[in-house]
Each structure stands twice: as structure tokens, then as C-alpha cells.
Amino acid sequence: MKRVMIVLWVVIIIALVVMHTGVLVPLDVTDATTSAGIMQIFISVGLLATALYVILSKKYDADVQKWAFGVIGTIVGYWLKP
């Protein structure tokens, strides 16, 4: 499971570097909604990765796993809102 987390963080860091260099999106894009949307995605991915790690690792007790399930439900609800 640690390898999965390491790979996930490496992918996130590479994505941030690519976004910062402007390879996929030109650097002259200054639209606030674009940067806000990108941050929403990264925060969601980070929280989902953390919650999935807690659930799948089986190292944590039931209270912590309830928190993780709650985080996943909240994020899914946020992205499915109309």
C-alpha cells in the first residue's frame, strides 16, 4: 500500500510541475475559475487518496474508517451536485 501512495504522490507532483510550466495550459491563462477548478480537483484527489488509504490499509479502527467513508461521501456529493 505504501508503494501505491508513493506513486500517487509522484503523479500529483508531476502534474503540478506540468501545470506550472504551462506545457498543457498556456501560462497567460489567468482566469480565476480555471485555477479554482484545478485546486478543487487536487484537493479532492488528495482527500480521496488519504481516505482510500485509511479504508484499504485495515490499520485504523472503526471510528477513523467512519471518517474516511464520510470524506468519500462528501466529495462524491460535492462533485455530483447540480
PDB file of N, CA and C in Angstrom:
ATOM      1  N   MET A   1       0.823  -1.190   0.000  1.00  0.00           N
ATOM      2  CA  MET A   1       0.000   0.000   0.000  1.00  0.00           C
ATOM      3  C   MET A   1       0.868   1.255   0.000  1.00  0.00           C
ATOM      4  N   LYS A   2       2.039   1.170   0.641  1.00  0.00           N
ATOM      5  CA  LYS A   2       2.915   2.333   0.657  1.00  0.00           C
ATOM      6  C   LYS A   2       3.380   2.679  -0.756  1.00  0.00           C
ATOM      7  N   ARG A   3       3.597   1.668  -1.570  1.00  0.00           N
ATOM      8  CA  ARG A   3       4.015   1.927  -2.950  1.00  0.00           C
ATOM      9  C   ARG A   3       2.938   2.669  -3.715  1.00  0.00           C
ATOM     10  N   VAL A   4       1.687   2.303  -3.472  1.00  0.00           N
ATOM     11  CA  VAL A   4       0.585   2.976  -4.146  1.00  0.00           C
ATOM     12  C   VAL A   4       0.541   4.445  -3.746  1.00  0.00           C
ATOM     13  N   MET A   5       0.714   4.718  -2.464  1.00  0.00           N
ATOM     14  CA  MET A   5       0.702   6.100  -2.004  1.00  0.00           C
ATOM     15  C   MET A   5       1.872   6.890  -2.575  1.00  0.00           C
ATOM     16  N   ILE A   6       3.028   6.263  -2.651  1.00  0.00           N
ATOM     17  CA  ILE A   6       4.199   6.941  -3.209  1.00  0.00           C
ATOM     18  C   ILE A   6       3.963   7.261  -4.682  1.00  0.00           C
ATOM     19  N   VAL A   7       3.438   6.294  -5.423  1.00  0.00           N
ATOM     20  CA  VAL A   7       3.156   6.521  -6.844  1.00  0.00           C
ATOM     21  C   VAL A   7       2.121   7.618  -7.007  1.00  0.00           C
ATOM     22  N   LEU A   8       1.097   7.618  -6.174  1.00  0.00           N
ATOM     23  CA  LEU A   8       0.068   8.650  -6.263  1.00  0.00           C
ATOM     24  C   LEU A   8       0.659  10.031  -6.025  1.00  0.00           C
ATOM     25  N   TRP A   9       1.485  10.178  -5.007  1.00  0.00           N
ATOM     26  CA  TRP A   9       2.085  11.479  -4.735  1.00  0.00           C
ATOM     27  C   TRP A   9       3.049  11.894  -5.837  1.00  0.00           C
ATOM     28  N   VAL A  10       3.764  10.958  -6.429  1.00  0.00           N
ATOM     29  CA  VAL A  10       4.665  11.286  -7.542  1.00  0.00           C
ATOM     30  C   VAL A  10       3.852  11.793  -8.725  1.00  0.00           C
ATOM     31  N   VAL A  11       2.729  11.149  -9.014  1.00  0.00           N
ATOM     32  CA  VAL A  11       1.878  11.595 -10.117  1.00  0.00           C
ATOM     33  C   VAL A  11       1.334  12.991  -9.844  1.00  0.00           C
ATOM     34  N   ILE A  12       0.924  13.255  -8.617  1.00  0.00           N
ATOM     35  CA  ILE A  12       0.406  14.584  -8.272  1.00  0.00           C
ATOM     36  C   ILE A  12       1.497  15.640  -8.429  1.00  0.00           C
ATOM     37  N   ILE A  13       2.700  15.333  -7.985  1.00  0.00           N
ATOM     38  CA  ILE A  13       3.802  16.293  -8.105  1.00  0.00           C
ATOM     39  C   ILE A  13       4.141  16.549  -9.566  1.00  0.00           C
ATOM     40  N   ILE A  14       4.170  15.500 -10.368  1.00  0.00           N
ATOM     41  CA  ILE A  14       4.445  15.673 -11.801  1.00  0.00           C
ATOM     42  C   ILE A  14       3.356  16.519 -12.446  1.00  0.00           C
ATOM     43  N   ALA A  15       2.101  16.280 -12.068  1.00  0.00           N
ATOM     44  CA  ALA A  15       1.005  17.074 -12.627  1.00  0.00           C
ATOM     45  C   ALA A  15       1.139  18.541 -12.243  1.00  0.00           C
ATOM     46  N   LEU A  16       1.525  18.804 -11.003  1.00  0.00           N
ATOM     47  CA  LEU A  16       1.718  20.197 -10.581  1.00  0.00           C
ATOM     48  C   LEU A  16       2.861  20.858 -11.346  1.00  0.00           C
ATOM     49  N   VAL A  17       3.934  20.135 -11.559  1.00  0.00           N
ATOM     50  CA  VAL A  17       5.068  20.685 -12.308  1.00  0.00           C
ATOM     51  C   VAL A  17       4.657  20.968 -13.753  1.00  0.00           C
ATOM     52  N   VAL A  18       3.929  20.042 -14.355  1.00  0.00           N
ATOM     53  CA  VAL A  18       3.486  20.231 -15.743  1.00  0.00           C
ATOM     54  C   VAL A  18       2.556  21.428 -15.837  1.00  0.00           C
ATOM     55  N   MET A  19       1.641  21.566 -14.876  1.00  0.00           N
ATOM     56  CA  MET A  19       0.742  22.714 -14.895  1.00  0.00           C
ATOM     57  C   MET A  19       1.505  24.013 -14.699  1.00  0.00           C
ATOM     58  N   HIS A  20       2.491  23.992 -13.812  1.00  0.00           N
ATOM     59  CA  HIS A  20       3.246  25.209 -13.515  1.00  0.00           C
ATOM     60  C   HIS A  20       4.086  25.645 -14.709  1.00  0.00           C
ATOM     61  N   THR A  21       4.621  24.711 -15.464  1.00  0.00           N
ATOM     62  CA  THR A  21       5.457  25.061 -16.611  1.00  0.00           C
ATOM     63  C   THR A  21       4.638  25.486 -17.811  1.00  0.00           C
ATOM     64  N   GLY A  22       3.344  25.217 -17.806  1.00  0.00           N
ATOM     65  CA  GLY A  22       2.498  25.641 -18.905  1.00  0.00           C
ATOM     66  C   GLY A  22       2.541  24.719 -20.100  1.00  0.00           C
ATOM     67  N   VAL A  23       2.934  23.484 -19.915  1.00  0.00           N
ATOM     68  CA  VAL A  23       3.009  22.547 -21.027  1.00  0.00           C
ATOM     69  C   VAL A  23       1.620  22.258 -21.576  1.00  0.00           C
ATOM     70  N   LEU A  24       0.661  22.013 -20.709  1.00  0.00           N
ATOM     71  CA  LEU A  24      -0.689  21.687 -21.152  1.00  0.00           C
ATOM     72  C   LEU A  24      -1.585  22.913 -21.264  1.00  0.00           C
ATOM     73  N   VAL A  25      -1.383  23.881 -20.393  1.00  0.00           N
ATOM     74  CA  VAL A  25      -2.185  25.098 -20.390  1.00  0.00           C
ATOM     75  C   VAL A  25      -1.222  26.278 -20.524  1.00  0.00           C
ATOM     76  N   PRO A  26      -1.477  27.166 -21.469  1.00  0.00           N
ATOM     77  CA  PRO A  26      -0.575  28.318 -21.615  1.00  0.00           C
ATOM     78  C   PRO A  26      -0.499  29.127 -20.320  1.00  0.00           C
ATOM     79  N   LEU A  27       0.673  29.678 -20.051  1.00  0.00           N
ATOM     80  CA  LEU A  27       0.871  30.431 -18.813  1.00  0.00           C
ATOM     81  C   LEU A  27       0.088  31.738 -18.777  1.00  0.00           C
ATOM     82  N   ASP A  28      -0.342  32.247 -19.940  1.00  0.00           N
ATOM     83  CA  ASP A  28      -1.059  33.511 -19.941  1.00  0.00           C
ATOM     84  C   ASP A  28      -2.526  33.355 -19.526  1.00  0.00           C
ATOM     85  N   VAL A  29      -2.958  32.140 -19.247  1.00  0.00           N
ATOM     86  CA  VAL A  29      -4.325  31.933 -18.771  1.00  0.00           C
ATOM     87  C   VAL A  29      -4.375  32.375 -17.311  1.00  0.00           C
ATOM     88  N   THR A  30      -5.113  33.437 -17.053  1.00  0.00           N
ATOM     89  CA  THR A  30      -5.199  33.971 -15.686  1.00  0.00           C
ATOM     90  C   THR A  30      -6.625  33.933 -15.167  1.00  0.00           C
ATOM     91  N   ASP A  31      -7.480  33.180 -15.812  1.00  0.00           N
ATOM     92  CA  ASP A  31      -8.869  33.089 -15.379  1.00  0.00           C
ATOM     93  C   ASP A  31      -8.931  32.467 -13.984  1.00  0.00           C
ATOM     94  N   ALA A  32      -9.566  33.160 -13.067  1.00  0.00           N
ATOM     95  CA  ALA A  32      -9.634  32.690 -11.685  1.00  0.00           C
ATOM     96  C   ALA A  32     -10.417  31.386 -11.572  1.00  0.00           C
ATOM     97  N   THR A  33     -11.405  31.206 -12.437  1.00  0.00           N
ATOM     98  CA  THR A  33     -12.191  29.974 -12.358  1.00  0.00           C
ATOM     99  C   THR A  33     -11.362  28.769 -12.766  1.00  0.00           C
ATOM    100  N   THR A  34     -10.428  28.949 -13.664  1.00  0.00           N
ATOM    101  CA  THR A  34      -9.572  27.840 -14.076  1.00  0.00           C
ATOM    102  C   THR A  34      -8.692  27.394 -12.919  1.00  0.00           C
ATOM    103  N   SER A  35      -8.048  28.315 -12.249  1.00  0.00           N
ATOM    104  CA  SER A  35      -7.176  27.939 -11.136  1.00  0.00           C
ATOM    105  C   SER A  35      -7.984  27.404  -9.955  1.00  0.00           C
ATOM    106  N   ALA A  36      -9.168  27.948  -9.732  1.00  0.00           N
ATOM    107  CA  ALA A  36     -10.014  27.444  -8.646  1.00  0.00           C
ATOM    108  C   ALA A  36     -10.469  26.015  -8.945  1.00  0.00           C
ATOM    109  N   GLY A  37     -10.819  25.749 -10.190  1.00  0.00           N
ATOM    110  CA  GLY A  37     -11.234  24.405 -10.570  1.00  0.00           C
ATOM    111  C   GLY A  37     -10.106  23.400 -10.435  1.00  0.00           C
ATOM    112  N   ILE A  38      -8.916  23.814 -10.800  1.00  0.00           N
ATOM    113  CA  ILE A  38      -7.752  22.939 -10.682  1.00  0.00           C
ATOM    114  C   ILE A  38      -7.474  22.635  -9.217  1.00  0.00           C
ATOM    115  N   MET A  39      -7.568  23.633  -8.357  1.00  0.00           N
ATOM    116  CA  MET A  39      -7.337  23.404  -6.933  1.00  0.00           C
ATOM    117  C   MET A  39      -8.410  22.502  -6.337  1.00  0.00           C
ATOM    118  N   GLN A  40      -9.659  22.649  -6.770  1.00  0.00           N
ATOM    119  CA  GLN A  40     -10.723  21.770  -6.289  1.00  0.00           C
ATOM    120  C   GLN A  40     -10.426  20.318  -6.645  1.00  0.00           C
ATOM    121  N   ILE A  41      -9.930  20.098  -7.834  1.00  0.00           N
ATOM    122  CA  ILE A  41      -9.598  18.742  -8.270  1.00  0.00           C
ATOM    123  C   ILE A  41      -8.463  18.177  -7.430  1.00  0.00           C
ATOM    124  N   PHE A  42      -7.403  18.951  -7.224  1.00  0.00           N
ATOM    125  CA  PHE A  42      -6.260  18.448  -6.463  1.00  0.00           C
ATOM    126  C   PHE A  42      -6.607  18.192  -4.998  1.00  0.00           C
ATOM    127  N   ILE A  43      -7.403  19.056  -4.413  1.00  0.00           N
ATOM    128  CA  ILE A  43      -7.812  18.835  -3.026  1.00  0.00           C
ATOM    129  C   ILE A  43      -8.682  17.585  -2.929  1.00  0.00           C
ATOM    130  N   SER A  44      -9.586  17.421  -3.887  1.00  0.00           N
ATOM    131  CA  SER A  44     -10.434  16.238  -3.892  1.00  0.00           C
ATOM    132  C   SER A  44      -9.613  14.962  -4.053  1.00  0.00           C
ATOM    133  N   VAL A  45      -8.662  14.971  -4.969  1.00  0.00           N
ATOM    134  CA  VAL A  45      -7.826  13.788  -5.197  1.00  0.00           C
ATOM    135  C   VAL A  45      -6.993  13.472  -3.952  1.00  0.00           C
ATOM    136  N   GLY A  46      -6.442  14.495  -3.331  1.00  0.00           N
ATOM    137  CA  GLY A  46      -5.644  14.274  -2.128  1.00  0.00           C
ATOM    138  C   GLY A  46      -6.464  13.685  -0.992  1.00  0.00           C
ATOM    139  N   LEU A  47      -7.662  14.233  -0.764  1.00  0.00           N
ATOM    140  CA  LEU A  47      -8.522  13.703   0.291  1.00  0.00           C
ATOM    141  C   LEU A  47      -9.007  12.297  -0.033  1.00  0.00           C
ATOM    142  N   LEU A  48      -9.339  12.049  -1.307  1.00  0.00           N
ATOM    143  CA  LEU A  48      -9.768  10.703  -1.690  1.00  0.00           C
ATOM    144  C   LEU A  48      -8.641   9.694  -1.499  1.00  0.00           C
ATOM    145  N   ALA A  49      -7.435  10.074  -1.863  1.00  0.00           N
ATOM    146  CA  ALA A  49      -6.297   9.167  -1.691  1.00  0.00           C
ATOM    147  C   ALA A  49      -6.077   8.848  -0.215  1.00  0.00           C
ATOM    148  N   THR A  50      -6.166   9.854   0.619  1.00  0.00           N
ATOM    149  CA  THR A  50      -5.987   9.639   2.051  1.00  0.00           C
ATOM    150  C   THR A  50      -7.090   8.747   2.618  1.00  0.00           C
ATOM    151  N   ALA A  51      -8.330   9.018   2.239  1.00  0.00           N
ATOM    152  CA  ALA A  51      -9.452   8.222   2.739  1.00  0.00           C
ATOM    153  C   ALA A  51      -9.357   6.777   2.253  1.00  0.00           C
ATOM    154  N   LEU A  52      -9.000   6.588   1.003  1.00  0.00           N
ATOM    155  CA  LEU A  52      -8.864   5.222   0.491  1.00  0.00           C
ATOM    156  C   LEU A  52      -7.736   4.478   1.189  1.00  0.00           C
ATOM    157  N   TYR A  53      -6.667   5.168   1.483  1.00  0.00           N
ATOM    158  CA  TYR A  53      -5.570   4.527   2.211  1.00  0.00           C
ATOM    159  C   TYR A  53      -6.039   4.066   3.587  1.00  0.00           C
ATOM    160  N   VAL A  54      -6.783   4.917   4.271  1.00  0.00           N
ATOM    161  CA  VAL A  54      -7.276   4.569   5.609  1.00  0.00           C
ATOM    162  C   VAL A  54      -8.209   3.365   5.528  1.00  0.00           C
ATOM    163  N   ILE A  55      -9.071   3.338   4.535  1.00  0.00           N
ATOM    164  CA  ILE A  55     -10.035   2.251   4.411  1.00  0.00           C
ATOM    165  C   ILE A  55      -9.357   0.946   4.004  1.00  0.00           C
ATOM    166  N   LEU A  56      -8.470   1.012   3.030  1.00  0.00           N
ATOM    167  CA  LEU A  56      -7.882  -0.209   2.483  1.00  0.00           C
ATOM    168  C   LEU A  56      -6.739  -0.779   3.314  1.00  0.00           C
ATOM    169  N   SER A  57      -6.114   0.036   4.149  1.00  0.00           N
ATOM    170  CA  SER A  57      -4.959  -0.454   4.894  1.00  0.00           C
ATOM    171  C   SER A  57      -5.338  -1.341   6.077  1.00  0.00           C
ATOM    172  N   LYS A  58      -6.548  -1.218   6.569  1.00  0.00           N
ATOM    173  CA  LYS A  58      -7.029  -2.013   7.710  1.00  0.00           C
ATOM    174  C   LYS A  58      -6.194  -1.798   8.977  1.00  0.00           C
ATOM    175  N   LYS A  59      -5.433  -0.721   9.045  1.00  0.00           N
ATOM    176  CA  LYS A  59      -4.634  -0.409  10.230  1.00  0.00           C
ATOM    177  C   LYS A  59      -5.410   0.431  11.238  1.00  0.00           C
ATOM    178  N   TYR A  60      -6.496   1.027  10.798  1.00  0.00           N
ATOM    179  CA  TYR A  60      -7.190   2.007  11.620  1.00  0.00           C
ATOM    180  C   TYR A  60      -8.479   1.421  12.183  1.00  0.00           C
ATOM    181  N   ASP A  61      -8.896   1.951  13.318  1.00  0.00           N
ATOM    182  CA  ASP A  61     -10.100   1.431  13.964  1.00  0.00           C
ATOM    183  C   ASP A  61     -11.361   1.941  13.261  1.00  0.00           C
ATOM    184  N   ALA A  62     -12.508   1.513  13.757  1.00  0.00           N
ATOM    185  CA  ALA A  62     -13.782   1.793  13.103  1.00  0.00           C
ATOM    186  C   ALA A  62     -14.100   3.285  13.067  1.00  0.00           C
ATOM    187  N   ASP A  63     -13.733   4.020  14.103  1.00  0.00           N
ATOM    188  CA  ASP A  63     -14.038   5.457  14.122  1.00  0.00           C
ATOM    189  C   ASP A  63     -13.309   6.206  13.009  1.00  0.00           C
ATOM    190  N   VAL A  64     -12.062   5.863  12.795  1.00  0.00           N
ATOM    191  CA  VAL A  64     -11.293   6.529  11.751  1.00  0.00           C
ATOM    192  C   VAL A  64     -11.815   6.116  10.377  1.00  0.00           C
ATOM    193  N   GLN A  65     -12.200   4.866  10.231  1.00  0.00           N
ATOM    194  CA  GLN A  65     -12.749   4.427   8.950  1.00  0.00           C
ATOM    195  C   GLN A  65     -14.086   5.108   8.666  1.00  0.00           C
ATOM    196  N   LYS A  66     -14.866   5.374   9.706  1.00  0.00           N
ATOM    197  CA  LYS A  66     -16.118   6.116   9.502  1.00  0.00           C
ATOM    198  C   LYS A  66     -15.822   7.517   8.973  1.00  0.00           C
ATOM    199  N   TRP A  67     -14.762   8.127   9.495  1.00  0.00           N
ATOM    200  CA  TRP A  67     -14.352   9.435   8.995  1.00  0.00           C
ATOM    201  C   TRP A  67     -13.990   9.346   7.518  1.00  0.00           C
ATOM    202  N   ALA A  68     -13.254   8.308   7.155  1.00  0.00           N
ATOM    203  CA  ALA A  68     -12.820   8.151   5.768  1.00  0.00           C
ATOM    204  C   ALA A  68     -14.014   7.945   4.837  1.00  0.00           C
ATOM    205  N   PHE A  69     -14.965   7.118   5.250  1.00  0.00           N
ATOM    206  CA  PHE A  69     -16.165   6.932   4.439  1.00  0.00           C
ATOM    207  C   PHE A  69     -16.943   8.236   4.327  1.00  0.00           C
ATOM    208  N   GLY A  70     -16.986   9.004   5.394  1.00  0.00           N
ATOM    209  CA  GLY A  70     -17.659  10.300   5.355  1.00  0.00           C
ATOM    210  C   GLY A  70     -17.001  11.266   4.391  1.00  0.00           C
ATOM    211  N   VAL A  71     -15.668  11.265   4.359  1.00  0.00           N
ATOM    212  CA  VAL A  71     -14.936  12.130   3.420  1.00  0.00           C
ATOM    213  C   VAL A  71     -15.254  11.743   1.983  1.00  0.00           C
ATOM    214  N   ILE A  72     -15.253  10.443   1.705  1.00  0.00           N
ATOM    215  CA  ILE A  72     -15.555   9.997   0.342  1.00  0.00           C
ATOM    216  C   ILE A  72     -16.983  10.386  -0.038  1.00  0.00           C
ATOM    217  N   GLY A  73     -17.928  10.189   0.866  1.00  0.00           N
ATOM    218  CA  GLY A  73     -19.306  10.570   0.588  1.00  0.00           C
ATOM    219  C   GLY A  73     -19.471  12.063   0.354  1.00  0.00           C
ATOM    220  N   THR A  74     -18.764  12.854   1.125  1.00  0.00           N
ATOM    221  CA  THR A  74     -18.832  14.306   0.967  1.00  0.00           C
ATOM    222  C   THR A  74     -18.265  14.739  -0.383  1.00  0.00           C
ATOM    223  N   ILE A  75     -17.148  14.177  -0.774  1.00  0.00           N
ATOM    224  CA  ILE A  75     -16.530  14.551  -2.046  1.00  0.00           C
ATOM    225  C   ILE A  75     -17.397  14.120  -3.220  1.00  0.00           C
ATOM    226  N   VAL A  76     -17.918  12.894  -3.161  1.00  0.00           N
ATOM    227  CA  VAL A  76     -18.802  12.438  -4.240  1.00  0.00           C
ATOM    228  C   VAL A  76     -20.040  13.327  -4.307  1.00  0.00           C
ATOM    229  N   GLY A  77     -20.606  13.667  -3.164  1.00  0.00           N
ATOM    230  CA  GLY A  77     -21.765  14.559  -3.152  1.00  0.00           C
ATOM    231  C   GLY A  77     -21.445  15.938  -3.710  1.00  0.00           C
ATOM    232  N   TYR A  78     -20.262  16.437  -3.412  1.00  0.00           N
ATOM    233  CA  TYR A  78     -19.856  17.748  -3.927  1.00  0.00           C
ATOM    234  C   TYR A  78     -19.779  17.731  -5.451  1.00  0.00           C
ATOM    235  N   TRP A  79     -19.169  16.702  -6.010  1.00  0.00           N
ATOM    236  CA  TRP A  79     -18.986  16.668  -7.453  1.00  0.00           C
ATOM    237  C   TRP A  79     -20.247  16.272  -8.209  1.00  0.00           C
ATOM    238  N   LEU A  80     -21.211  15.649  -7.540  1.00  0.00           N
ATOM    239  CA  LEU A  80     -22.456  15.274  -8.214  1.00  0.00           C
ATOM    240  C   LEU A  80     -23.558  16.305  -8.054  1.00  0.00           C
ATOM    241  N   LYS A  81     -23.296  17.372  -7.337  1.00  0.00           N
ATOM    242  CA  LYS A  81     -24.343  18.388  -7.156  1.00  0.00           C
ATOM    243  C   LYS A  81     -24.677  19.024  -8.507  1.00  0.00           C
ATOM    244  N   PRO A  82     -25.929  19.460  -8.660  1.00  0.00           N
ATOM    245  CA  PRO A  82     -26.337  20.047  -9.965  1.00  0.00           C
ATOM    246  C   PRO A  82     -25.739  21.409 -10.205  1.00  0.00           C
TER     247      PRO A  82
END
